Amino acid sequence: MKFGKVDDPSLIDFTLPEDHPETKNVLAKEKVASVPNLYVGCAKWNRADLKGFYPRGTKDELTYYATQFNSIELNATFYRIFSPETFTGWYDKTPADFRFFPKVFQGVTHWKRLNDFEAYLNEYLLNASNLKEKLEMPFVQMHNNFGPKNMERLVPFFEAIPKDIRIAIEFRHTDWFNDPVVANELYDILERYDASNILVDSAGRRDLLHMRMTNNAAFIRYNGANHESDYTRLDDWIDRLEEWISQGLQHIYFFVHQNLEKASPLLSAHFIKKANERFGTNLHIPGMDNPKTLY
């Protein structure tokens, strides 16, 4: 994971920004949940990246991964459209309460840039539908250079999403957030189509931490820096999410990335332990021969 990487994380101010003023209003539309719907996971399950996570002799990585986590932010689906049989296989290997959050195929977002994208999107959704009820929320990641000049492409795209699928979207071009007029038009569209506005917490792109919710689901992509600050940053998120829960937040989707992904399960375990203590959730804490700290 090279996105947002910096040479010296100790120089970065990792303080979470204040909430966007409209976030509280969005959450206030919901009844306060006694216990939020919480899913926490990594971006991938392959052994090559998650070194030290799998016990010796593990034969099927996904089957084991799904005993430790209740979800996966599936980045592999960005690079190719997997067959229906592959999605069915993933469904069969995971327990009933496991959920997938597969990234939308790059043909939709990067090749077609939300223009004449329907063939790619339809094939992707048709095949991914074999995840059945375990398909929780696909997410879209737009190219860095997809900016506000392409605003008119958003509504046709959201109109093409089946009504029974909730989707999240990540914008990386900074101009979506610099101009309040542009930002408000974007947020209005996302709210109208019940699309989650992804929050990205990354060392090198603090501008993407807009803290603007557009529905009752917080979809957070946490990019750690393989630095001792990773723990305190997670603690700060626990504080902020607890505040949002008190305001009406219903769903928390929290996915941990690292420049060196082998640290992701350890950080996820830290986050889950804190969340269970503070939110009243009861997620399994991944079991590993992990040290008290990563660094």
Protein backbone atom coordinates (compact mmCIF):
# COMPACT_ATOMS: atom_id res chain seq x y z
CA MET A 1 0.00 0.00 0.00
CA LYS A 2 1.96 3.04 -1.25
CA PHE A 3 -0.92 5.53 -1.35
CA GLY A 4 -0.38 8.34 1.15
CA LYS A 5 3.00 7.01 2.29
CA VAL A 6 5.43 9.54 3.78
CA ASP A 7 9.12 9.26 4.60
CA ASP A 8 8.78 10.37 8.23
CA PRO A 9 5.36 9.82 9.86
CA SER A 10 6.53 11.56 13.04
CA LEU A 11 6.28 14.89 11.18
CA ILE A 12 2.55 14.43 10.40
CA ASP A 13 -0.22 15.91 12.52
CA PHE A 14 -2.59 12.96 12.81
CA THR A 15 -5.24 14.82 14.80
CA LEU A 16 -8.68 13.99 13.45
CA PRO A 17 -10.36 17.14 12.06
CA GLU A 18 -13.55 18.49 13.54
CA ASP A 19 -16.71 17.03 12.07
CA HIS A 20 -18.22 18.69 9.04
CA PRO A 21 -21.20 20.69 10.37
CA GLU A 22 -23.68 18.61 8.35
CA THR A 23 -22.49 15.26 9.71
CA LYS A 24 -24.44 15.69 12.93
CA ASN A 25 -27.57 16.60 10.95
CA VAL A 26 -27.26 13.50 8.77
CA LEU A 27 -26.87 11.23 11.78
CA ALA A 28 -29.70 12.94 13.64
CA LYS A 29 -32.14 11.52 11.08
CA GLU A 30 -31.59 8.07 12.62
CA LYS A 31 -32.69 6.60 15.91
CA VAL A 32 -29.74 6.11 18.24
CA ALA A 33 -28.68 2.46 18.10
CA SER A 34 -27.91 0.71 21.37
CA VAL A 35 -25.18 -1.30 19.62
CA PRO A 36 -23.88 -0.39 16.13
CA ASN A 37 -23.45 -2.84 13.29
CA LEU A 38 -19.65 -3.22 13.23
CA TYR A 39 -17.47 -4.83 10.58
CA VAL A 40 -13.68 -4.72 10.78
CA GLY A 41 -11.19 -6.33 8.43
CA CYS A 42 -8.12 -6.14 6.25
CA ALA A 43 -7.84 -5.33 2.55
CA LYS A 44 -6.74 -8.81 1.49
CA TRP A 45 -6.35 -12.30 2.87
CA ASN A 46 -3.33 -13.70 1.02
CA ARG A 47 -0.51 -15.16 3.08
CA ALA A 48 2.22 -13.32 1.15
CA ASP A 49 1.08 -9.96 2.53
CA LEU A 50 -0.19 -11.02 5.96
CA LYS A 51 3.09 -12.61 7.04
CA GLY A 52 2.92 -14.22 10.45
CA PHE A 53 -0.87 -14.18 10.60
CA TYR A 54 -1.61 -17.72 9.42
CA PRO A 55 -0.67 -20.72 11.56
CA ARG A 56 1.76 -23.18 10.08
CA GLY A 57 -0.06 -25.70 7.96
CA THR A 58 -3.00 -23.46 7.02
CA LYS A 59 -4.36 -24.88 3.77
CA ASP A 60 -7.02 -22.34 2.85
CA GLU A 61 -6.31 -18.70 3.66
CA LEU A 62 -9.85 -17.35 3.32
CA THR A 63 -11.35 -20.11 5.46
CA TYR A 64 -8.92 -19.31 8.27
CA TYR A 65 -9.18 -15.53 7.80
CA ALA A 66 -12.96 -15.78 8.22
CA THR A 67 -12.50 -17.44 11.62
CA GLN A 68 -10.64 -14.34 12.81
CA PHE A 69 -12.46 -11.46 11.10
CA ASN A 70 -16.10 -10.83 10.20
CA SER A 71 -15.36 -8.97 6.94
CA ILE A 72 -12.90 -8.22 4.15
CA GLU A 73 -12.35 -5.09 2.09
CA LEU A 74 -11.71 -6.94 -1.12
CA ASN A 75 -9.29 -5.01 -3.34
CA ALA A 76 -8.65 -7.91 -5.73
CA THR A 77 -11.97 -7.27 -7.50
CA PHE A 78 -10.63 -3.92 -8.70
CA TYR A 79 -8.12 -5.64 -10.99
CA ARG A 80 -10.35 -8.27 -12.62
CA ILE A 81 -13.94 -9.42 -12.75
CA PHE A 82 -13.96 -12.79 -11.05
CA SER A 83 -16.20 -15.57 -12.28
CA PRO A 84 -19.56 -16.40 -10.65
CA GLU A 85 -18.03 -19.67 -9.49
CA THR A 86 -15.23 -17.83 -7.67
CA PHE A 87 -17.67 -15.62 -5.80
CA THR A 88 -19.75 -18.69 -4.94
CA GLY A 89 -16.63 -20.39 -3.61
CA TRP A 90 -15.89 -17.42 -1.37
CA TYR A 91 -19.46 -17.48 -0.13
CA ASP A 92 -19.23 -21.17 0.74
CA LYS A 93 -15.93 -20.80 2.61
CA THR A 94 -17.15 -18.13 5.03
CA PRO A 95 -19.57 -18.26 8.00
CA ALA A 96 -23.08 -16.88 7.89
CA ASP A 97 -22.21 -13.58 9.56
CA PHE A 98 -19.21 -12.82 7.32
CA ARG A 99 -19.49 -9.88 4.90
CA PHE A 100 -17.65 -8.78 1.74
CA PHE A 101 -16.93 -5.20 0.64
CA PRO A 102 -15.50 -5.69 -2.87
CA LYS A 103 -13.97 -2.78 -4.75
CA VAL A 104 -15.72 -2.04 -8.06
CA PHE A 105 -13.79 -3.14 -11.14
CA GLN A 106 -11.37 -0.57 -12.57
CA GLY A 107 -13.03 -0.74 -15.99
CA VAL A 108 -15.92 1.25 -14.50
CA THR A 109 -13.90 3.85 -12.63
CA HIS A 110 -10.51 4.18 -14.32
CA TRP A 111 -10.89 2.96 -17.88
CA LYS A 112 -14.37 4.33 -18.57
CA ARG A 113 -14.32 6.98 -15.82
CA LEU A 114 -18.09 6.55 -15.27
CA ASN A 115 -18.74 7.12 -18.96
CA ASP A 116 -20.22 4.29 -21.04
CA PHE A 117 -19.47 1.99 -18.10
CA GLU A 118 -22.63 -0.12 -18.05
CA ALA A 119 -21.24 -3.34 -19.55
CA TYR A 120 -18.42 -3.55 -17.02
CA LEU A 121 -20.68 -2.62 -14.09
CA ASN A 122 -23.37 -5.10 -15.02
CA GLU A 123 -20.90 -7.98 -15.35
CA TYR A 124 -19.24 -7.06 -12.07
CA LEU A 125 -22.54 -6.84 -10.17
CA LEU A 126 -24.00 -9.95 -11.77
CA ASN A 127 -21.01 -12.05 -10.76
CA ALA A 128 -20.64 -10.46 -7.31
CA SER A 129 -24.32 -11.16 -6.63
CA ASN A 130 -23.26 -14.76 -6.01
CA LEU A 131 -22.10 -13.53 -2.61
CA LYS A 132 -25.84 -13.20 -1.85
CA GLU A 133 -26.53 -11.68 1.58
CA LYS A 134 -22.78 -11.58 2.31
CA LEU A 135 -22.36 -8.77 -0.23
CA GLU A 136 -22.63 -5.93 2.27
CA MET A 137 -21.42 -2.84 0.41
CA PRO A 138 -19.37 -2.63 -2.80
CA PHE A 139 -17.20 0.46 -2.94
CA VAL A 140 -15.98 2.70 -5.72
CA GLN A 141 -12.57 4.34 -5.78
CA MET A 142 -12.24 7.09 -8.35
CA HIS A 143 -8.97 7.95 -10.10
CA ASN A 144 -6.84 10.73 -8.64
CA ASN A 145 -7.57 12.91 -11.68
CA PHE A 146 -11.33 12.39 -11.67
CA GLY A 147 -12.33 15.88 -10.57
CA PRO A 148 -15.40 18.13 -10.28
CA LYS A 149 -15.41 18.74 -14.05
CA ASN A 150 -16.84 15.21 -14.23
CA MET A 151 -19.68 15.93 -11.80
CA GLU A 152 -22.36 15.25 -14.42
CA ARG A 153 -21.29 11.60 -14.62
CA LEU A 154 -22.22 10.84 -11.03
CA VAL A 155 -26.02 10.82 -11.27
CA PRO A 156 -26.17 8.40 -14.25
CA PHE A 157 -23.78 6.12 -12.40
CA PHE A 158 -25.84 6.07 -9.21
CA GLU A 159 -28.99 5.59 -11.26
CA ALA A 160 -27.41 2.44 -12.70
CA ILE A 161 -26.89 0.87 -9.27
CA PRO A 162 -29.71 -1.55 -8.36
CA LYS A 163 -31.93 -0.19 -5.60
CA ASP A 164 -31.20 -3.13 -3.32
CA ILE A 165 -27.44 -2.41 -3.27
CA ARG A 166 -25.94 0.24 -1.03
CA ILE A 167 -22.65 1.59 -2.31
CA ALA A 168 -19.74 3.65 -1.00
CA ILE A 169 -17.48 5.94 -3.01
CA GLU A 170 -14.02 7.43 -2.51
CA PHE A 171 -12.89 10.61 -4.25
CA ARG A 172 -9.17 11.36 -4.37
CA HIS A 173 -9.04 14.61 -6.35
CA THR A 174 -8.63 17.33 -3.73
CA ASP A 175 -10.84 19.82 -5.60
CA TRP A 176 -13.95 17.89 -4.53
CA PHE A 177 -13.37 19.26 -1.03
CA ASN A 178 -11.63 22.64 -1.52
CA ASP A 179 -14.62 24.59 -2.87
CA PRO A 180 -17.69 24.57 -0.58
CA VAL A 181 -20.05 25.02 -3.55
CA VAL A 182 -18.60 21.97 -5.31
CA ALA A 183 -18.46 19.95 -2.10
CA ASN A 184 -22.07 20.71 -1.19
CA GLU A 185 -23.29 19.70 -4.65
CA LEU A 186 -21.36 16.44 -4.31
CA TYR A 187 -22.71 15.73 -0.82
CA ASP A 188 -26.27 16.43 -1.98
CA ILE A 189 -25.90 13.81 -4.72
CA LEU A 190 -24.46 11.24 -2.32
CA GLU A 191 -27.25 11.80 0.19
CA ARG A 192 -29.91 11.57 -2.53
CA TYR A 193 -28.62 8.14 -3.58
CA ASP A 194 -27.81 6.93 -0.06
CA ALA A 195 -24.14 6.52 -0.99
CA SER A 196 -21.55 6.41 1.77
CA ASN A 197 -18.86 9.07 1.49
CA ILE A 198 -15.68 7.13 2.25
CA LEU A 199 -13.33 8.59 4.85
CA VAL A 200 -9.64 8.01 4.13
CA ASP A 201 -7.16 8.37 6.99
CA SER A 202 -3.70 8.41 5.40
CA ALA A 203 -0.48 10.12 6.43
CA GLY A 204 0.17 11.81 3.10
CA ARG A 205 -3.39 12.78 2.17
CA ARG A 206 -4.94 14.53 5.15
CA ASP A 207 -7.15 16.47 2.72
CA LEU A 208 -9.24 13.32 2.19
CA LEU A 209 -10.25 13.23 5.84
CA HIS A 210 -13.30 15.39 5.20
CA MET A 211 -15.38 14.03 8.12
CA ARG A 212 -18.58 14.48 6.11
CA MET A 213 -21.09 11.67 6.53
CA THR A 214 -23.78 11.29 3.88
CA ASN A 215 -25.80 8.44 5.40
CA ASN A 216 -25.86 6.23 8.49
CA ALA A 217 -22.81 4.16 7.52
CA ALA A 218 -19.24 5.20 8.33
CA PHE A 219 -16.97 3.54 5.73
CA ILE A 220 -13.42 4.20 6.92
CA ARG A 221 -10.23 3.18 5.12
CA TYR A 222 -7.49 3.51 7.69
CA ASN A 223 -3.98 3.59 6.21
CA GLY A 224 -1.45 3.05 8.95
CA ALA A 225 2.09 4.33 8.66
CA ASN A 226 3.91 1.39 10.30
CA HIS A 227 4.72 3.83 13.09
CA GLU A 228 4.04 3.89 16.83
CA SER A 229 1.39 6.58 16.20
CA ASP A 230 -0.80 3.95 14.53
CA TYR A 231 -2.15 2.86 17.91
CA THR A 232 -3.06 6.34 19.18
CA ARG A 233 -4.67 7.13 15.83
CA LEU A 234 -6.92 4.09 16.25
CA ASP A 235 -7.79 5.20 19.77
CA ASP A 236 -8.80 8.59 18.39
CA TRP A 237 -11.12 6.85 15.94
CA ILE A 238 -12.74 4.94 18.78
CA ASP A 239 -13.48 8.27 20.50
CA ARG A 240 -14.92 9.83 17.35
CA LEU A 241 -17.03 6.81 16.44
CA GLU A 242 -18.43 6.62 19.95
CA GLU A 243 -19.54 10.23 19.54
CA TRP A 244 -21.16 9.45 16.19
CA ILE A 245 -22.94 6.44 17.67
CA SER A 246 -24.47 8.74 20.28
CA GLN A 247 -25.71 10.92 17.42
CA GLY A 248 -27.32 8.07 15.46
CA LEU A 249 -24.58 6.20 13.58
CA GLN A 250 -25.89 2.73 12.70
CA HIS A 251 -23.12 1.02 10.70
CA ILE A 252 -19.32 1.07 11.04
CA TYR A 253 -17.17 -0.43 8.31
CA PHE A 254 -13.51 -0.09 9.34
CA PHE A 255 -10.72 -1.49 7.19
CA VAL A 256 -7.05 -1.41 8.10
CA HIS A 257 -4.26 -0.97 5.54
CA GLN A 258 -0.52 -0.72 6.05
CA ASN A 259 2.51 0.01 3.91
CA LEU A 260 3.69 -3.35 5.26
CA GLU A 261 0.43 -5.28 5.45
CA LYS A 262 1.70 -7.84 7.98
CA ALA A 263 0.86 -5.26 10.68
CA SER A 264 -2.80 -4.98 9.63
CA PRO A 265 -4.16 -7.92 11.69
CA LEU A 266 -2.39 -6.66 14.82
CA LEU A 267 -3.79 -3.16 14.47
CA SER A 268 -7.23 -4.57 13.68
CA ALA A 269 -7.10 -6.63 16.86
CA HIS A 270 -6.29 -3.49 18.85
CA PHE A 271 -9.20 -1.62 17.28
CA ILE A 272 -11.66 -4.50 17.82
CA LYS A 273 -10.72 -4.86 21.49
CA LYS A 274 -11.27 -1.14 22.09
CA ALA A 275 -14.52 -1.14 20.09
CA ASN A 276 -15.94 -4.06 22.06
CA GLU A 277 -15.18 -2.26 25.30
CA ARG A 278 -16.67 1.06 24.23
CA PHE A 279 -19.46 0.21 21.75
CA GLY A 280 -20.95 -2.88 23.39
CA THR A 281 -20.06 -5.03 20.38
CA ASN A 282 -18.82 -8.58 20.69
CA LEU A 283 -16.51 -9.15 17.75
CA HIS A 284 -13.92 -11.91 17.90
CA ILE A 285 -10.44 -10.51 18.57
CA PRO A 286 -8.02 -12.06 16.06
CA GLY A 287 -5.76 -14.52 17.82
CA MET A 288 -2.06 -14.16 17.06
CA ASP A 289 1.26 -14.50 18.81
CA ASN A 290 1.39 -10.72 18.76
CA PRO A 291 3.55 -8.42 20.88
CA LYS A 292 1.93 -5.70 22.96
CA THR A 293 3.03 -3.14 20.41
CA LEU A 294 4.08 -3.26 16.80
CA TYR A 295 7.15 -1.05 16.99
